Amino acid sequence: MTLTNHDLIELTAWRRKLHQHPETSNEEEKTAAEVVAFLQDTDPDRILTGMGGHGVAMIYDSGKPGLAVLFRSELDALSIYELSGVPHASLVPGKSHMCGHDGHTTILAALARQFGRRRPATGRVILMFQPAEESGDGAVGIVNDPRYREIAPDFAFSLHNLPGVPFGEVRLKAGTVNCASRGMRIKLTGKTAHSSMPETGVSPMPAISQLMPRLPMLGRMTFQDDDFRMVTVSHACMGEAVYGVAPGYAEVWASLRTRLDDNMAELCQAAEALAADIATEHGLAHGIEYHEVFVASVNAPEAVEHLRRALEEEGIRHSEDALPMRASEDFGLYRRSAKSAMFFLGAGEDHPSLHNPDYDFPDDLIPIGARVFARVAENLLG
């Protein structure tokens, strides 16, 4: 299966259209509708909308027994002001596709065009346009949707572009490729007082002064070791922005990160115990919430071998360099129901980094990503 020059022109224009109209996690209603409209003429055998929020699944079925192979992209953008200066820059102030999900979605659109022209010889292909990757809500919403059990993929594959890696090269390995992480929100409650008589209140100031430096000390920073753990304080606030009131409330936010899921439970327990001890020492009530929870992304060896074969057959250089990464990815949840693997496609050694305001997805990656996925599908399904 191949893409024509006309395909690539249209796909590139569409990617740039998506780039201009970003929607952040759990808000991707228009983006999802745009995917359905753009790919309607590929005549999928089944379209599932509203999956896990605004997710869309398009199924191309051979009508013959065989494997179910899922390819996944993400629909959501980020809350970042774009400073790329490209003609197709975001038209939505404060929101932009600074992670390249517009490009990943276009790679799946390229696959849809190919399967629209020729179905797999056996089994079925599922193109999963997933919402809310950035917040960690998307994959859990998809796999918990009852219709996902109807789809029942045997294999699941995904990719992510990766600045800092030579253009068009791939990074791939079996085992952990992305860390587990979660956001921890610690609330400390005391009692306000007039700032002239702070002794009549209970201020959280001494507590957060202890908590912020001690949380990172729970980490073990040897990243090459499976026992790697990391705590990064990302935000803190205390009281109101006034001079006349001594504070009675504070929050400390931190991201917790481990290479293994089992170690995350231990790190959470240690952080919770530290927060409780410090709160008690200073006469404060406290509460803890968790947000943006990501399990570790662990590539299944069998799925990795299918990707390696496709890369070699397509003549694409690949290695295990730069893996695993500290960053998180919610694709890890798919491994609970399918043999899954993600690879990382080089965006260029000097390309602006992900989540930077001057980033833009390199359009020339579209046919490369599509070639790899198409080859995997051909090898598995014929």
Protein backbone atom coordinates (compact mmCIF):
# COMPACT_ATOMS: atom_id res chain seq x y z
CA MET A 1 0.00 0.00 0.00
CA THR A 2 1.36 3.40 -0.92
CA LEU A 3 0.39 7.04 -0.56
CA THR A 4 0.30 9.21 -3.67
CA ASN A 5 1.75 12.69 -3.91
CA HIS A 6 -1.83 13.98 -3.95
CA ASP A 7 -2.49 12.08 -0.69
CA LEU A 8 0.53 13.66 0.95
CA ILE A 9 -0.46 17.16 -0.15
CA GLU A 10 -3.98 16.71 1.25
CA LEU A 11 -2.77 15.06 4.45
CA THR A 12 -0.24 17.81 5.08
CA ALA A 13 -2.87 20.50 4.57
CA TRP A 14 -5.21 18.66 6.93
CA ARG A 15 -2.52 18.31 9.59
CA ARG A 16 -1.99 22.05 9.46
CA LYS A 17 -5.74 22.62 9.74
CA LEU A 18 -5.79 20.52 12.92
CA HIS A 19 -2.81 22.51 14.15
CA GLN A 20 -4.73 25.76 13.76
CA HIS A 21 -7.70 24.53 15.79
CA PRO A 22 -6.33 22.81 18.91
CA GLU A 23 -8.51 21.46 21.69
CA THR A 24 -7.11 20.41 25.04
CA SER A 25 -7.80 17.19 26.96
CA ASN A 26 -11.48 16.23 27.24
CA GLU A 27 -12.51 19.12 24.96
CA GLU A 28 -11.79 17.44 21.59
CA GLU A 29 -15.37 17.36 20.29
CA LYS A 30 -14.68 19.37 17.11
CA THR A 31 -11.41 17.58 16.44
CA ALA A 32 -13.17 14.22 16.67
CA ALA A 33 -15.91 15.41 14.32
CA GLU A 34 -13.23 16.63 11.90
CA VAL A 35 -11.60 13.18 11.90
CA VAL A 36 -14.91 11.50 11.08
CA ALA A 37 -15.68 13.98 8.29
CA PHE A 38 -12.22 13.82 6.73
CA LEU A 39 -12.14 10.02 6.66
CA GLN A 40 -15.77 9.35 5.77
CA ASP A 41 -14.87 8.61 2.16
CA THR A 42 -12.53 5.79 3.25
CA ASP A 43 -15.73 3.88 3.96
CA PRO A 44 -14.82 2.20 7.26
CA ASP A 45 -16.86 -0.87 8.14
CA ARG A 46 -17.66 0.58 11.54
CA ILE A 47 -17.21 3.94 13.22
CA LEU A 48 -17.44 4.27 16.99
CA THR A 49 -17.66 7.79 18.38
CA GLY A 50 -17.70 9.17 21.92
CA MET A 51 -15.31 6.52 23.17
CA GLY A 52 -13.72 7.42 26.48
CA GLY A 53 -15.01 10.96 25.99
CA HIS A 54 -14.43 12.20 22.44
CA GLY A 55 -12.53 9.18 21.10
CA VAL A 56 -13.16 7.78 17.63
CA ALA A 57 -12.48 4.22 16.47
CA MET A 58 -12.57 3.37 12.77
CA ILE A 59 -12.58 -0.31 11.87
CA TYR A 60 -11.53 -1.78 8.52
CA ASP A 61 -12.61 -5.42 8.45
CA SER A 62 -11.54 -8.08 5.96
CA GLY A 63 -14.60 -10.17 6.74
CA LYS A 64 -12.29 -13.12 7.36
CA PRO A 65 -11.02 -14.62 10.63
CA GLY A 66 -7.77 -13.19 11.90
CA LEU A 67 -6.13 -10.90 14.37
CA ALA A 68 -7.44 -7.53 15.51
CA VAL A 69 -4.66 -4.94 15.25
CA LEU A 70 -5.11 -1.50 16.80
CA PHE A 71 -3.13 1.63 15.92
CA ARG A 72 -3.56 4.60 18.23
CA SER A 73 -3.03 8.35 17.99
CA GLU A 74 -3.99 11.23 20.27
CA LEU A 75 -6.40 14.10 19.62
CA ASP A 76 -5.57 16.60 22.35
CA ALA A 77 -3.40 19.70 22.43
CA LEU A 78 -1.77 21.66 25.26
CA SER A 79 -2.42 24.89 27.15
CA ILE A 80 0.62 26.66 25.69
CA TYR A 81 0.83 29.91 23.73
CA GLU A 82 2.37 29.10 20.37
CA LEU A 83 5.46 31.07 19.33
CA SER A 84 6.51 29.01 16.30
CA GLY A 85 5.81 31.75 13.74
CA VAL A 86 4.57 29.21 11.17
CA PRO A 87 1.77 30.33 8.79
CA HIS A 88 -0.54 27.63 10.19
CA ALA A 89 -0.01 28.60 13.84
CA SER A 90 -2.78 28.07 16.39
CA LEU A 91 -5.78 30.36 16.07
CA VAL A 92 -6.83 29.60 19.66
CA PRO A 93 -5.05 31.84 22.18
CA GLY A 94 -3.24 29.86 24.86
CA LYS A 95 -3.73 26.46 23.21
CA SER A 96 -1.51 24.69 20.70
CA HIS A 97 -0.34 21.33 19.37
CA MET A 98 3.09 21.50 20.99
CA CYS A 99 3.39 17.72 21.30
CA GLY A 100 2.65 16.71 17.73
CA HIS A 101 -0.63 14.92 18.29
CA ASP A 102 -1.91 16.60 15.14
CA GLY A 103 0.85 14.80 13.23
CA HIS A 104 0.21 11.45 14.92
CA THR A 105 -3.48 11.75 14.04
CA THR A 106 -2.58 12.51 10.43
CA ILE A 107 -0.41 9.38 10.27
CA LEU A 108 -3.48 7.35 11.24
CA ALA A 109 -5.50 9.26 8.63
CA ALA A 110 -2.90 8.16 6.06
CA LEU A 111 -3.48 4.56 7.15
CA ALA A 112 -7.23 5.05 6.82
CA ARG A 113 -6.79 6.13 3.20
CA GLN A 114 -4.77 3.02 2.46
CA PHE A 115 -7.17 0.59 4.15
CA GLY A 116 -10.08 2.37 2.50
CA ARG A 117 -8.59 1.34 -0.85
CA ARG A 118 -7.63 -2.17 0.18
CA ARG A 119 -8.81 -3.98 3.27
CA PRO A 120 -6.43 -6.29 5.14
CA ALA A 121 -6.45 -9.85 3.80
CA THR A 122 -7.52 -11.27 7.18
CA GLY A 123 -8.76 -9.97 10.51
CA ARG A 124 -9.36 -6.27 11.05
CA VAL A 125 -7.55 -3.00 11.61
CA ILE A 126 -8.74 -0.57 14.31
CA LEU A 127 -7.66 3.05 14.08
CA MET A 128 -8.09 4.56 17.54
CA PHE A 129 -8.13 8.35 17.71
CA GLN A 130 -7.82 8.76 21.47
CA PRO A 131 -8.70 11.84 23.53
CA ALA A 132 -7.05 13.23 26.66
CA GLU A 133 -3.58 11.70 26.54
CA GLU A 134 -2.00 14.72 28.19
CA SER A 135 -4.22 14.50 31.28
CA GLY A 136 -4.04 10.71 31.56
CA ASP A 137 -7.82 10.39 31.23
CA GLY A 138 -7.93 9.16 27.64
CA ALA A 139 -6.58 5.62 27.65
CA VAL A 140 -8.43 4.70 30.84
CA GLY A 141 -11.65 6.03 29.31
CA ILE A 142 -11.09 4.00 26.15
CA VAL A 143 -10.26 0.68 27.81
CA ASN A 144 -13.15 1.07 30.28
CA ASP A 145 -15.65 1.78 27.49
CA PRO A 146 -17.82 -1.37 27.01
CA ARG A 147 -17.35 -1.08 23.25
CA TYR A 148 -13.61 -1.58 23.68
CA ARG A 149 -14.29 -5.12 24.82
CA GLU A 150 -16.20 -5.63 21.56
CA ILE A 151 -13.17 -4.44 19.59
CA ALA A 152 -10.85 -6.72 21.62
CA PRO A 153 -7.49 -5.99 19.94
CA ASP A 154 -4.84 -8.68 19.97
CA PHE A 155 -2.08 -6.14 19.29
CA ALA A 156 -1.89 -2.39 19.91
CA PHE A 157 0.73 -0.07 18.43
CA SER A 158 1.48 3.62 18.73
CA LEU A 159 4.24 6.10 18.01
CA HIS A 160 5.47 9.44 19.26
CA ASN A 161 7.71 11.89 17.49
CA LEU A 162 10.90 12.65 19.38
CA PRO A 163 13.00 15.80 18.90
CA GLY A 164 16.68 15.28 19.62
CA VAL A 165 16.78 12.05 17.60
CA PRO A 166 18.00 12.23 13.97
CA PHE A 167 15.14 12.80 11.56
CA GLY A 168 13.39 9.60 10.53
CA GLU A 169 15.36 7.32 12.84
CA VAL A 170 13.48 5.23 15.39
CA ARG A 171 14.03 4.43 19.05
CA LEU A 172 12.50 1.14 20.17
CA LYS A 173 13.03 -1.42 22.92
CA ALA A 174 11.17 -4.11 24.82
CA GLY A 175 10.27 -3.42 28.45
CA THR A 176 9.70 -0.07 30.09
CA VAL A 177 9.91 2.89 27.71
CA ASN A 178 8.02 5.54 29.72
CA CYS A 179 7.83 6.03 33.47
CA ALA A 180 4.79 5.78 35.66
CA SER A 181 3.83 9.16 37.10
CA ARG A 182 1.11 10.99 38.98
CA GLY A 183 0.43 14.43 40.32
CA MET A 184 0.17 14.67 44.13
CA ARG A 185 -1.73 17.60 45.65
CA ILE A 186 -1.13 18.11 49.36
CA LYS A 187 -3.55 20.41 51.21
CA LEU A 188 -2.60 21.87 54.58
CA THR A 189 -5.25 23.56 56.72
CA GLY A 190 -4.63 25.62 59.84
CA LYS A 191 -6.26 28.86 61.00
CA THR A 192 -5.97 32.41 59.70
CA ALA A 193 -5.08 35.31 61.95
CA HIS A 194 -4.51 39.04 61.73
CA SER A 195 -0.97 39.58 60.49
CA SER A 196 -0.26 41.70 63.56
CA MET A 197 -1.07 38.70 65.78
CA PRO A 198 0.08 35.61 63.87
CA GLU A 199 0.43 33.68 67.14
CA THR A 200 -3.38 33.51 67.38
CA GLY A 201 -3.59 31.44 64.20
CA VAL A 202 -2.00 28.29 62.83
CA SER A 203 0.09 29.07 59.77
CA PRO A 204 1.12 26.38 57.24
CA MET A 205 4.25 28.38 56.36
CA PRO A 206 6.70 26.38 58.52
CA ALA A 207 5.19 23.13 57.22
CA ILE A 208 5.55 23.90 53.51
CA SER A 209 9.04 25.25 54.19
CA GLN A 210 9.94 21.77 55.41
CA LEU A 211 7.84 19.83 52.94
CA MET A 212 9.12 21.34 49.69
CA PRO A 213 12.80 20.44 50.12
CA ARG A 214 12.13 17.07 51.75
CA LEU A 215 9.78 15.67 49.09
CA PRO A 216 12.52 15.52 46.40
CA MET A 217 14.76 13.74 48.91
CA LEU A 218 12.44 10.70 48.62
CA GLY A 219 13.80 10.14 45.12
CA ARG A 220 16.47 7.73 43.98
CA MET A 221 18.03 9.33 40.96
CA THR A 222 19.95 6.49 39.31
CA PHE A 223 17.77 6.34 36.22
CA GLN A 224 19.45 3.27 34.75
CA ASP A 225 18.20 1.30 37.75
CA ASP A 226 14.66 -0.12 37.89
CA ASP A 227 14.46 1.34 41.40
CA PHE A 228 14.53 4.90 40.00
CA ARG A 229 12.13 7.25 41.81
CA MET A 230 11.74 11.00 41.41
CA VAL A 231 9.69 13.70 43.14
CA THR A 232 9.51 17.17 41.57
CA VAL A 233 7.74 19.99 43.39
CA SER A 234 5.86 21.82 40.67
CA HIS A 235 3.66 24.34 42.48
CA ALA A 236 2.98 25.81 45.92
CA CYS A 237 0.57 28.43 47.21
CA MET A 238 -0.24 29.83 50.65
CA GLY A 239 -2.96 32.12 51.96
CA GLU A 240 -4.36 35.10 50.11
CA ALA A 241 -2.44 37.79 48.25
CA VAL A 242 -2.91 40.35 51.02
CA TYR A 243 -0.70 41.83 53.74
CA GLY A 244 -3.14 41.92 56.63
CA VAL A 245 -3.88 38.20 57.05
CA ALA A 246 -1.53 35.49 58.27
CA PRO A 247 -2.27 32.37 56.18
CA GLY A 248 -4.34 29.42 57.33
CA TYR A 249 -4.20 27.28 54.17
CA ALA A 250 -1.55 26.07 51.75
CA GLU A 251 -1.06 23.59 48.94
CA VAL A 252 2.02 21.84 47.61
CA TRP A 253 1.89 20.06 44.24
CA ALA A 254 4.45 17.49 43.19
CA SER A 255 4.91 14.99 40.38
CA LEU A 256 5.93 11.49 41.45
CA ARG A 257 7.76 9.33 38.93
CA THR A 258 9.04 5.72 38.91
CA ARG A 259 10.21 3.23 36.29
CA LEU A 260 8.07 0.45 37.74
CA ASP A 261 4.39 0.55 38.72
CA ASP A 262 5.05 -1.38 41.94
CA ASN A 263 7.52 1.26 43.10
CA MET A 264 4.94 4.00 42.60
CA ALA A 265 2.82 2.61 45.43
CA GLU A 266 5.85 2.69 47.73
CA LEU A 267 6.76 6.23 46.71
CA CYS A 268 3.19 7.43 47.29
CA GLN A 269 3.17 5.82 50.72
CA ALA A 270 6.45 7.52 51.65
CA ALA A 271 5.25 10.93 50.43
CA GLU A 272 1.94 10.58 52.24
CA ALA A 273 3.70 9.63 55.48
CA LEU A 274 6.03 12.63 55.16
CA ALA A 275 3.12 15.01 54.59
CA ALA A 276 1.20 13.55 57.54
CA ASP A 277 4.18 13.79 59.91
CA ILE A 278 4.93 17.40 59.01
CA ALA A 279 1.26 18.42 59.20
CA THR A 280 0.92 16.82 62.66
CA GLU A 281 4.13 18.46 63.87
CA HIS A 282 2.72 21.88 63.03
CA GLY A 283 -0.86 21.31 64.21
CA LEU A 284 -2.37 21.25 60.71
CA ALA A 285 -5.08 19.17 59.15
CA HIS A 286 -4.08 17.76 55.78
CA GLY A 287 -5.55 16.04 52.74
CA ILE A 288 -4.05 14.41 49.65
CA GLU A 289 -5.42 14.10 46.11
CA TYR A 290 -3.94 12.44 43.03
CA HIS A 291 -4.31 13.70 39.47
CA GLU A 292 -2.99 12.82 36.02
CA VAL A 293 -2.21 9.22 36.89
CA PHE A 294 -0.08 7.34 34.31
CA VAL A 295 1.03 3.72 34.57
CA ALA A 296 4.41 2.77 33.15
CA SER A 297 4.46 2.09 29.41
CA VAL A 298 5.96 -1.37 28.98
CA ASN A 299 6.51 -2.71 25.47
CA ALA A 300 5.65 -6.37 24.96
CA PRO A 301 8.57 -8.28 23.37
CA GLU A 302 6.37 -9.91 20.71
CA ALA A 303 4.89 -6.57 19.65
CA VAL A 304 8.38 -5.03 19.56
CA GLU A 305 9.57 -7.80 17.24
CA HIS A 306 6.78 -6.98 14.79
CA LEU A 307 7.83 -3.35 14.83
CA ARG A 308 11.52 -4.24 14.39
CA ARG A 309 10.70 -6.43 11.41
CA ALA A 310 8.69 -3.62 9.81
CA LEU A 311 11.49 -1.10 10.39
CA GLU A 312 14.08 -3.39 8.84
CA GLU A 313 11.87 -4.18 5.85
CA GLU A 314 11.29 -0.45 5.33
CA GLY A 315 15.00 0.33 5.68
CA ILE A 316 14.54 2.61 8.71
CA ARG A 317 17.44 2.90 11.14
CA HIS A 318 16.58 2.05 14.73
CA SER A 319 18.23 1.54 18.11
CA GLU A 320 17.44 1.42 21.82
CA ASP A 321 19.25 4.71 22.53
CA ALA A 322 17.48 7.25 24.78
CA LEU A 323 15.11 4.62 26.21
CA PRO A 324 13.49 4.39 28.65
CA MET A 325 12.44 8.01 29.15
CA ARG A 326 11.43 9.82 32.32
CA ALA A 327 8.36 11.25 30.59
CA SER A 328 5.00 9.46 30.90
CA GLU A 329 2.54 8.13 28.31
CA ASP A 330 -0.93 6.77 28.90
CA PHE A 331 -0.51 4.19 26.11
CA GLY A 332 0.76 1.89 28.86
CA LEU A 333 -2.82 0.97 29.76
CA TYR A 334 -3.39 -0.84 26.46
CA ARG A 335 -0.96 -3.57 27.52
CA ARG A 336 -3.53 -4.84 30.00
CA SER A 337 -5.72 -6.09 27.17
CA ALA A 338 -3.37 -6.45 24.18
CA LYS A 339 0.24 -7.08 23.26
CA SER A 340 1.32 -3.50 22.84
CA ALA A 341 4.36 -1.47 21.85
CA MET A 342 5.20 2.15 21.11
CA PHE A 343 8.12 3.44 19.07
CA PHE A 344 9.65 6.90 18.93
CA LEU A 345 10.22 8.58 15.58
CA GLY A 346 13.03 11.11 15.33
CA ALA A 347 11.94 14.67 14.57
CA GLY A 348 15.50 15.93 14.10
CA GLU A 349 18.44 16.53 16.39
CA ASP A 350 17.94 20.31 16.40
CA HIS A 351 14.15 20.33 16.29
CA PRO A 352 12.44 22.34 19.08
CA SER A 353 11.55 20.15 22.04
CA LEU A 354 8.10 18.81 22.82
CA HIS A 355 5.93 21.18 24.88
CA ASN A 356 8.08 24.14 23.80
CA PRO A 357 6.18 27.14 22.40
CA ASP A 358 8.18 27.10 19.13
CA TYR A 359 7.56 23.41 18.34
CA ASP A 360 5.75 22.26 15.19
CA PHE A 361 5.32 18.68 13.94
CA PRO A 362 7.55 17.91 10.91
CA ASP A 363 5.16 17.04 8.06
CA ASP A 364 7.73 14.81 6.35
CA LEU A 365 7.29 12.31 9.19
CA ILE A 366 3.75 11.54 8.00
CA PRO A 367 4.69 9.05 5.26
CA ILE A 368 7.42 7.46 7.40
CA GLY A 369 5.09 6.71 10.30
CA ALA A 370 2.39 5.49 7.93
CA ARG A 371 4.86 3.15 6.17
CA VAL A 372 5.84 1.49 9.45
CA PHE A 373 2.27 0.96 10.60
CA ALA A 374 1.15 -0.25 7.18
CA ARG A 375 4.00 -2.78 7.08
CA VAL A 376 3.12 -4.06 10.56
CA ALA A 377 -0.50 -4.53 9.48
CA GLU A 378 0.53 -6.29 6.27
CA ASN A 379 2.85 -8.66 8.12
CA LEU A 380 0.20 -9.53 10.71
CA LEU A 381 -2.89 -9.58 8.52
CA GLY A 382 -1.70 -9.95 4.94
